[in-house]
Amino acid sequence: MMKANVYSLSHNVVLDAAPNGDVIVETPYNEEWINAIRSVPGRRWDATSKCWVIPGSKSAILVLCHALQDVPVEVKSTQLVERFPEFMQLQSGDEKNALKKLKDTLKMKGYSIKTQKAYMGHAERYLRMLTIPLKNAESHHTHAYLLKLSDESRSSSYVNQAVSALRFWLVTVLGRSDLNQWIRPKRQKKLPVVLSSGEVAKLLKAIQHVKHRTLIALIYSSGLRIGEAVRLTKQDIDPVRKTIHIRQGKGGKDRFTVLSNAAYAMLQNYMETQPIVKYLFPGGKGLDHHLTERSMQHVFVKAMRKAGISKPATVHTLRHSFATHLLENGTDLRYIQELLGHESSKTTEIYTHVSIKDIRRIQSPLDRIGMDDEDQ
């Protein structure tokens, strides 16, 4: 008996092209798979060839693809894929096993849930692009996928992530040492968006919900990542030492950051009205589940509109603003690096480029001219 989620190459549904344009479907005896094929309108059983025949119409193919989405499928004919690109969504047993190996390896190596999701997403999208079996893929196929991302105007960081994901999967996990040619795009040198202190104040005033306002205040006042903030517990807050303990942040690292007096006062007021079981900021699923990052992004966008701030900001902008404002107020860059949990000082140094402390001291040459109304 076949183990769950482990597929043998001999246990695939096989699709091939019939001379008259129909699709031939061969399957080992599996009641669930056979019932899936029977759900396709117009299908018929060919007793002579011992196979199913599916009409070569778009509607029938769409139903077939939907029915076989969780079934290991091998498409024998490249022409069939070219005629019906929908078949590219289906995966063979070999491909399903390869994806499972990637998922298991990511978990065993302790990669974050977010990274696991991102790497799995790239692997699945890469498979959907392939018109040949994964085992036959060559370097030019990976290059084509990466080029496609660039053509879609994806950011350089996104494409670099795709390179890391595919290289980890194909080379590290699957042992494809022949795929050794990888081209990374040049990283874009974009400066982070920063809100002014006045804009942060306007943003907080625009949030009426006490829980949401408190969470946003903590993110800004302590330089937290959104994922760290929503997972805070009561035990992470130390009002005596005025610190917040961030447990297993990015890269699986613990760190301490500053606890603002003003933010703690907001937090105390909030906790008086909110029963705390596990997380400080529970979500809609119950007191033992935290708020989702997506819900807080939605809250942030609404607050930005209400406050009349048009900058292209996200919740992460508050972390950039925290670091920039500390730097402008004279905090040493090394301390800011520790508070943010940056492994390299080079990551923190980007805030020296967005700080306007010294820029404001510079007088524009136009202001030195002293133009009066008559000159204008």
Protein backbone atom coordinates (compact mmCIF):
# COMPACT_ATOMS: atom_id res chain seq x y z
CA MET A 1 0.00 0.00 0.00
CA MET A 2 1.31 3.42 -0.99
CA LYS A 3 2.30 5.76 1.89
CA ALA A 4 0.41 9.03 2.24
CA ASN A 5 2.00 11.99 0.42
CA VAL A 6 4.73 9.78 -1.09
CA TYR A 7 4.30 9.04 -4.78
CA SER A 8 5.89 6.32 -6.88
CA LEU A 9 6.61 7.07 -10.52
CA SER A 10 4.67 3.93 -11.43
CA HIS A 11 1.61 5.40 -9.74
CA ASN A 12 0.87 8.32 -12.03
CA VAL A 13 -2.15 9.14 -14.07
CA VAL A 14 -0.69 9.36 -17.58
CA LEU A 15 -2.05 11.79 -20.17
CA ASP A 16 -1.32 11.48 -23.88
CA ALA A 17 -2.67 12.92 -27.13
CA ALA A 18 -5.02 10.89 -29.32
CA PRO A 19 -4.72 11.22 -33.13
CA ASN A 20 -8.21 12.75 -33.38
CA GLY A 21 -7.44 15.50 -30.83
CA ASP A 22 -8.92 13.84 -27.78
CA VAL A 23 -6.92 13.17 -24.61
CA ILE A 24 -6.04 9.62 -23.55
CA VAL A 25 -5.98 9.00 -19.80
CA GLU A 26 -4.34 5.90 -18.37
CA THR A 27 -4.54 5.24 -14.63
CA PRO A 28 -3.66 2.43 -12.22
CA TYR A 29 -6.61 1.14 -10.26
CA ASN A 30 -7.41 3.78 -7.67
CA GLU A 31 -11.05 4.35 -6.90
CA GLU A 32 -10.58 7.97 -5.95
CA TRP A 33 -8.68 8.79 -9.14
CA ILE A 34 -11.16 6.91 -11.30
CA ASN A 35 -14.07 8.80 -9.75
CA ALA A 36 -12.24 12.06 -10.47
CA ILE A 37 -11.95 11.09 -14.15
CA ARG A 38 -15.61 10.06 -14.24
CA SER A 39 -16.56 13.62 -13.19
CA VAL A 40 -15.43 14.94 -16.60
CA PRO A 41 -18.40 15.46 -18.97
CA GLY A 42 -18.20 13.43 -22.18
CA ARG A 43 -15.55 11.02 -20.92
CA ARG A 44 -15.74 7.45 -22.13
CA TRP A 45 -13.98 4.16 -21.38
CA ASP A 46 -12.15 2.47 -24.25
CA ALA A 47 -12.32 -1.22 -23.34
CA THR A 48 -9.97 -2.24 -26.15
CA SER A 49 -7.11 0.07 -25.16
CA LYS A 50 -8.09 -0.02 -21.49
CA CYS A 51 -7.96 3.72 -21.09
CA TRP A 52 -10.23 6.71 -20.64
CA VAL A 53 -10.83 9.13 -23.48
CA ILE A 54 -11.54 12.80 -22.70
CA PRO A 55 -13.00 15.14 -25.34
CA GLY A 56 -10.39 17.60 -26.59
CA SER A 57 -12.50 20.62 -25.69
CA LYS A 58 -11.48 23.50 -23.44
CA SER A 59 -14.37 22.94 -21.04
CA ALA A 60 -13.63 19.23 -20.61
CA ILE A 61 -9.89 19.90 -20.07
CA LEU A 62 -10.62 22.50 -17.38
CA VAL A 63 -12.80 20.01 -15.50
CA LEU A 64 -10.15 17.31 -15.89
CA CYS A 65 -7.40 19.56 -14.53
CA HIS A 66 -9.54 20.51 -11.56
CA ALA A 67 -10.36 16.86 -10.88
CA LEU A 68 -6.68 15.84 -11.01
CA GLN A 69 -5.17 18.79 -9.12
CA ASP A 70 -4.23 16.60 -6.11
CA VAL A 71 -3.34 13.52 -8.18
CA PRO A 72 0.17 12.72 -9.50
CA VAL A 73 -0.02 13.21 -13.27
CA GLU A 74 2.52 12.60 -16.01
CA VAL A 75 1.91 14.36 -19.33
CA LYS A 76 3.71 12.33 -22.01
CA SER A 77 3.13 14.66 -24.95
CA THR A 78 4.79 18.09 -25.12
CA GLN A 79 2.34 19.01 -27.88
CA LEU A 80 -0.50 18.30 -25.46
CA VAL A 81 0.89 20.87 -23.01
CA GLU A 82 1.36 23.40 -25.80
CA ARG A 83 -2.24 22.88 -26.89
CA PHE A 84 -3.64 22.95 -23.36
CA PRO A 85 -1.35 25.04 -21.06
CA GLU A 86 -3.72 24.17 -18.20
CA PHE A 87 -1.89 20.82 -17.93
CA MET A 88 1.18 22.72 -16.66
CA GLN A 89 -0.65 23.12 -13.34
CA LEU A 90 -0.57 19.36 -12.77
CA GLN A 91 2.35 17.64 -11.06
CA SER A 92 3.86 14.20 -11.49
CA GLY A 93 4.71 11.90 -8.61
CA ASP A 94 8.36 12.84 -9.08
CA GLU A 95 7.52 16.53 -8.78
CA LYS A 96 5.26 16.03 -5.76
CA ASN A 97 8.04 14.09 -4.04
CA ALA A 98 10.54 16.85 -4.90
CA LEU A 99 8.24 19.49 -3.38
CA LYS A 100 7.76 17.38 -0.26
CA LYS A 101 11.54 17.05 0.11
CA LEU A 102 11.86 20.83 -0.12
CA LYS A 103 9.15 21.38 2.49
CA ASP A 104 10.65 18.81 4.88
CA THR A 105 14.19 20.19 4.49
CA LEU A 106 13.07 23.76 5.12
CA LYS A 107 11.35 22.63 8.33
CA MET A 108 14.31 20.55 9.52
CA LYS A 109 16.72 23.44 8.92
CA GLY A 110 14.49 25.74 10.96
CA TYR A 111 13.59 28.25 8.25
CA SER A 112 10.85 30.69 9.25
CA ILE A 113 7.25 30.04 8.20
CA LYS A 114 7.43 33.08 5.91
CA THR A 115 10.58 31.82 4.18
CA GLN A 116 9.13 28.32 3.84
CA LYS A 117 6.04 29.76 2.17
CA ALA A 118 8.11 31.97 -0.17
CA TYR A 119 10.45 29.13 -1.23
CA MET A 120 7.57 26.70 -1.79
CA GLY A 121 5.78 29.34 -3.85
CA HIS A 122 8.76 29.82 -6.17
CA ALA A 123 9.19 26.06 -6.58
CA GLU A 124 5.52 25.57 -7.47
CA ARG A 125 5.48 28.50 -9.92
CA TYR A 126 8.66 27.19 -11.55
CA LEU A 127 7.01 23.79 -12.04
CA ARG A 128 3.97 25.41 -13.65
CA MET A 129 6.24 27.11 -16.17
CA LEU A 130 8.05 23.90 -17.17
CA THR A 131 6.78 22.08 -20.25
CA ILE A 132 9.10 19.13 -19.58
CA PRO A 133 9.57 16.81 -16.57
CA LEU A 134 11.48 18.37 -13.66
CA LYS A 135 14.24 15.76 -13.93
CA ASN A 136 15.00 17.01 -17.47
CA ALA A 137 15.16 20.69 -16.53
CA GLU A 138 18.40 22.50 -17.38
CA SER A 139 19.98 25.83 -16.47
CA HIS A 140 18.24 27.67 -19.31
CA HIS A 141 14.86 26.70 -17.83
CA THR A 142 15.67 28.35 -14.50
CA HIS A 143 17.03 31.38 -16.34
CA ALA A 144 13.76 31.59 -18.31
CA TYR A 145 11.76 31.61 -15.06
CA LEU A 146 13.94 34.34 -13.55
CA LEU A 147 13.79 36.37 -16.77
CA LYS A 148 10.01 36.07 -16.70
CA LEU A 149 9.98 37.59 -13.21
CA SER A 150 12.12 40.48 -14.43
CA ASP A 151 9.80 41.02 -17.40
CA GLU A 152 6.92 41.23 -14.89
CA SER A 153 8.78 44.15 -13.26
CA ARG A 154 9.41 42.21 -10.06
CA SER A 155 11.85 43.90 -7.67
CA SER A 156 15.49 42.79 -7.59
CA SER A 157 15.01 41.51 -4.02
CA TYR A 158 12.10 39.32 -5.19
CA VAL A 159 14.14 37.90 -8.08
CA ASN A 160 17.10 37.32 -5.75
CA GLN A 161 14.78 35.44 -3.42
CA ALA A 162 13.68 33.29 -6.37
CA VAL A 163 17.33 32.50 -7.17
CA SER A 164 17.96 31.48 -3.55
CA ALA A 165 14.80 29.36 -3.45
CA LEU A 166 15.46 27.46 -6.70
CA ARG A 167 19.14 26.98 -5.95
CA PHE A 168 18.36 25.63 -2.48
CA TRP A 169 15.73 23.29 -3.89
CA LEU A 170 17.41 22.02 -7.04
CA VAL A 171 21.04 21.93 -5.88
CA THR A 172 20.97 21.50 -2.08
CA VAL A 173 17.83 19.38 -1.69
CA LEU A 174 17.68 17.46 -4.98
CA GLY A 175 21.44 17.30 -5.57
CA ARG A 176 21.38 18.71 -9.12
CA SER A 177 25.05 19.68 -9.25
CA ASP A 178 24.75 20.20 -13.02
CA LEU A 179 22.61 23.29 -12.40
CA ASN A 180 25.54 25.48 -11.39
CA GLN A 181 24.91 28.61 -13.44
CA TRP A 182 22.98 31.25 -11.49
CA ILE A 183 22.70 34.92 -12.39
CA ARG A 184 21.57 37.32 -9.67
CA PRO A 185 20.21 40.75 -10.59
CA LYS A 186 21.98 43.79 -9.24
CA ARG A 187 20.28 44.91 -6.07
CA GLN A 188 18.35 48.15 -6.35
CA LYS A 189 19.66 50.84 -4.01
CA LYS A 190 16.33 52.19 -2.81
CA LEU A 191 16.12 54.26 0.34
CA PRO A 192 13.40 53.30 2.82
CA VAL A 193 10.34 55.49 3.23
CA VAL A 194 10.34 57.35 6.55
CA LEU A 195 7.47 59.13 8.32
CA SER A 196 8.18 62.32 10.23
CA SER A 197 7.44 62.50 13.96
CA GLY A 198 4.41 64.66 13.17
CA GLU A 199 3.12 62.12 10.67
CA VAL A 200 3.47 59.31 13.21
CA ALA A 201 1.46 61.37 15.71
CA LYS A 202 -1.26 62.01 13.10
CA LEU A 203 -1.31 58.31 12.24
CA LEU A 204 -1.81 57.26 15.87
CA LYS A 205 -4.61 59.80 16.35
CA ALA A 206 -6.37 58.42 13.28
CA ILE A 207 -6.65 54.94 14.90
CA GLN A 208 -9.64 54.81 17.24
CA HIS A 209 -9.43 51.11 18.20
CA VAL A 210 -7.39 50.91 21.43
CA LYS A 211 -5.81 47.54 20.61
CA HIS A 212 -4.74 48.60 17.15
CA ARG A 213 -3.44 51.99 18.29
CA THR A 214 -1.42 50.37 21.09
CA LEU A 215 0.11 47.82 18.72
CA ILE A 216 1.07 50.47 16.16
CA ALA A 217 2.59 52.60 18.94
CA LEU A 218 4.69 49.65 20.15
CA ILE A 219 5.91 48.89 16.62
CA TYR A 220 7.10 52.48 16.15
CA SER A 221 8.44 53.08 19.67
CA SER A 222 10.46 49.86 19.77
CA GLY A 223 11.36 49.29 16.10
CA LEU A 224 9.52 45.98 15.90
CA ARG A 225 8.80 43.92 12.82
CA ILE A 226 5.08 43.34 12.40
CA GLY A 227 5.49 39.58 12.89
CA GLU A 228 7.33 40.19 16.17
CA ALA A 229 4.72 42.66 17.41
CA VAL A 230 1.62 40.51 16.89
CA ARG A 231 3.32 37.59 18.71
CA LEU A 232 4.21 39.51 21.88
CA THR A 233 3.16 37.99 25.20
CA LYS A 234 2.82 39.59 28.63
CA GLN A 235 6.04 37.87 29.71
CA ASP A 236 7.97 39.71 26.98
CA ILE A 237 7.29 43.11 28.57
CA ASP A 238 9.63 44.24 31.39
CA PRO A 239 8.50 47.65 32.69
CA VAL A 240 11.20 47.68 35.40
CA ARG A 241 14.12 47.33 32.99
CA LYS A 242 12.10 49.17 30.28
CA THR A 243 12.77 46.47 27.72
CA ILE A 244 10.85 44.19 25.37
CA HIS A 245 12.15 40.67 24.85
CA ILE A 246 11.84 39.64 21.21
CA ARG A 247 11.88 35.86 21.06
CA GLN A 248 12.98 34.04 17.92
CA GLY A 249 12.92 37.06 15.64
CA LYS A 250 14.22 37.04 12.08
CA GLY A 251 16.89 34.38 11.70
CA GLY A 252 15.70 32.63 14.88
CA LYS A 253 17.47 35.18 17.11
CA ASP A 254 16.39 36.60 20.47
CA ARG A 255 17.07 40.24 21.33
CA PHE A 256 16.00 43.05 23.64
CA THR A 257 14.70 46.41 22.50
CA VAL A 258 13.59 49.56 24.28
CA LEU A 259 10.16 49.88 25.97
CA SER A 260 8.77 53.39 25.64
CA ASN A 261 7.15 54.91 28.75
CA ALA A 262 4.36 56.35 26.61
CA ALA A 263 3.77 53.07 24.80
CA TYR A 264 3.75 51.15 28.10
CA ALA A 265 1.14 53.54 29.51
CA MET A 266 -1.01 52.82 26.44
CA LEU A 267 -0.40 49.10 26.91
CA GLN A 268 -1.45 49.21 30.57
CA ASN A 269 -4.64 51.04 29.68
CA TYR A 270 -5.37 48.51 26.96
CA MET A 271 -4.71 45.46 29.17
CA GLU A 272 -7.20 46.72 31.77
CA THR A 273 -9.99 46.14 29.25
CA GLN A 274 -8.63 43.09 27.41
CA PRO A 275 -8.28 39.61 28.98
CA ILE A 276 -4.83 38.25 28.14
CA VAL A 277 -4.45 34.48 27.86
CA LYS A 278 -1.42 33.99 25.63
CA TYR A 279 -0.81 36.85 23.22
CA LEU A 280 -1.05 40.54 24.08
CA PHE A 281 -2.96 41.17 20.87
CA PRO A 282 -5.33 38.27 20.19
CA GLY A 283 -7.10 37.95 16.86
CA GLY A 284 -10.55 36.94 15.76
CA LYS A 285 -9.91 33.21 16.22
CA GLY A 286 -9.74 33.46 20.01
CA LEU A 287 -7.55 34.55 22.91
CA ASP A 288 -4.91 31.90 22.16
CA HIS A 289 -4.42 33.16 18.58
CA HIS A 290 -2.62 36.41 17.73
CA LEU A 291 -3.72 39.10 15.30
CA THR A 292 -2.68 38.37 11.74
CA GLU A 293 -0.09 40.50 9.98
CA ARG A 294 -2.50 41.02 7.10
CA SER A 295 -5.17 42.49 9.37
CA MET A 296 -2.69 45.02 10.80
CA GLN A 297 -1.56 46.01 7.31
CA HIS A 298 -5.21 46.72 6.54
CA VAL A 299 -5.56 48.81 9.73
CA PHE A 300 -2.43 50.75 8.79
CA VAL A 301 -3.63 51.56 5.27
CA LYS A 302 -6.97 52.85 6.58
CA ALA A 303 -5.22 55.00 9.19
CA MET A 304 -2.86 56.48 6.59
CA ARG A 305 -5.82 57.51 4.44
CA LYS A 306 -7.67 58.98 7.42
CA ALA A 307 -4.57 60.91 8.51
CA GLY A 308 -4.12 62.28 4.98
CA ILE A 309 -0.59 60.88 4.58
CA SER A 310 0.15 60.03 0.96
CA LYS A 311 3.62 58.48 1.31
CA PRO A 312 3.93 54.89 -0.05
CA ALA A 313 4.30 53.46 3.45
CA THR A 314 3.59 50.09 5.09
CA VAL A 315 3.66 48.97 8.72
CA HIS A 316 7.39 48.22 8.23
CA THR A 317 7.88 51.94 7.54
CA LEU A 318 7.39 52.52 11.28
CA ARG A 319 10.50 50.41 11.96
CA HIS A 320 12.46 52.51 9.46
CA SER A 321 11.11 55.67 11.09
CA PHE A 322 12.13 54.43 14.57
CA ALA A 323 15.72 53.88 13.45
CA THR A 324 15.96 57.15 11.52
CA HIS A 325 14.53 59.24 14.36
CA LEU A 326 16.94 57.64 16.87
CA LEU A 327 19.85 58.43 14.57
CA GLU A 328 18.71 62.03 14.12
CA ASN A 329 18.46 62.40 17.90
CA GLY A 330 22.07 61.33 18.35
CA THR A 331 21.79 57.60 19.18
CA ASP A 332 24.93 55.68 18.20
CA LEU A 333 24.49 53.50 15.11
CA ARG A 334 25.81 50.44 17.00
CA TYR A 335 22.98 50.68 19.55
CA ILE A 336 20.42 51.05 16.78
CA GLN A 337 21.85 47.91 15.15
CA GLU A 338 21.34 45.97 18.40
CA LEU A 339 17.80 47.27 18.91
CA LEU A 340 16.81 46.31 15.36
CA GLY A 341 18.54 42.93 15.51
CA HIS A 342 20.64 43.50 12.40
CA GLU A 343 23.45 40.98 11.99
CA SER A 344 25.55 43.35 9.88
CA SER A 345 26.21 47.03 10.57
CA LYS A 346 25.95 47.63 6.81
CA THR A 347 22.21 46.94 7.00
CA THR A 348 21.80 49.62 9.66
CA GLU A 349 23.97 52.14 7.82
CA ILE A 350 21.22 52.72 5.27
CA TYR A 351 19.55 55.02 7.80
CA THR A 352 22.46 57.45 7.55
CA HIS A 353 21.24 58.11 3.99
CA VAL A 354 17.66 58.97 5.00
CA SER A 355 18.50 61.01 8.10
CA ILE A 356 17.98 64.74 7.48
CA LYS A 357 19.74 65.94 10.66
CA ASP A 358 22.72 67.34 8.75
CA ILE A 359 20.79 68.19 5.58
CA ARG A 360 18.66 70.69 7.51
CA ARG A 361 21.80 72.60 8.52
CA ILE A 362 22.71 73.21 4.90
CA GLN A 363 21.42 76.44 3.39
CA SER A 364 20.29 76.26 -0.22
CA PRO A 365 22.12 78.70 -2.53
CA LEU A 366 18.74 80.13 -3.56
CA ASP A 367 18.09 81.16 0.05
CA ARG A 368 21.47 82.96 0.12
CA ILE A 369 20.57 85.06 -2.90
CA GLY A 370 17.80 86.74 -0.90
CA MET A 371 15.36 87.35 -3.77
CA ASP A 372 12.76 89.99 -3.08
CA ASP A 373 9.40 90.56 -4.83
CA GLU A 374 10.88 92.94 -7.43
CA ASP A 375 13.51 90.42 -8.49
CA GLN A 376 10.76 87.87 -9.05
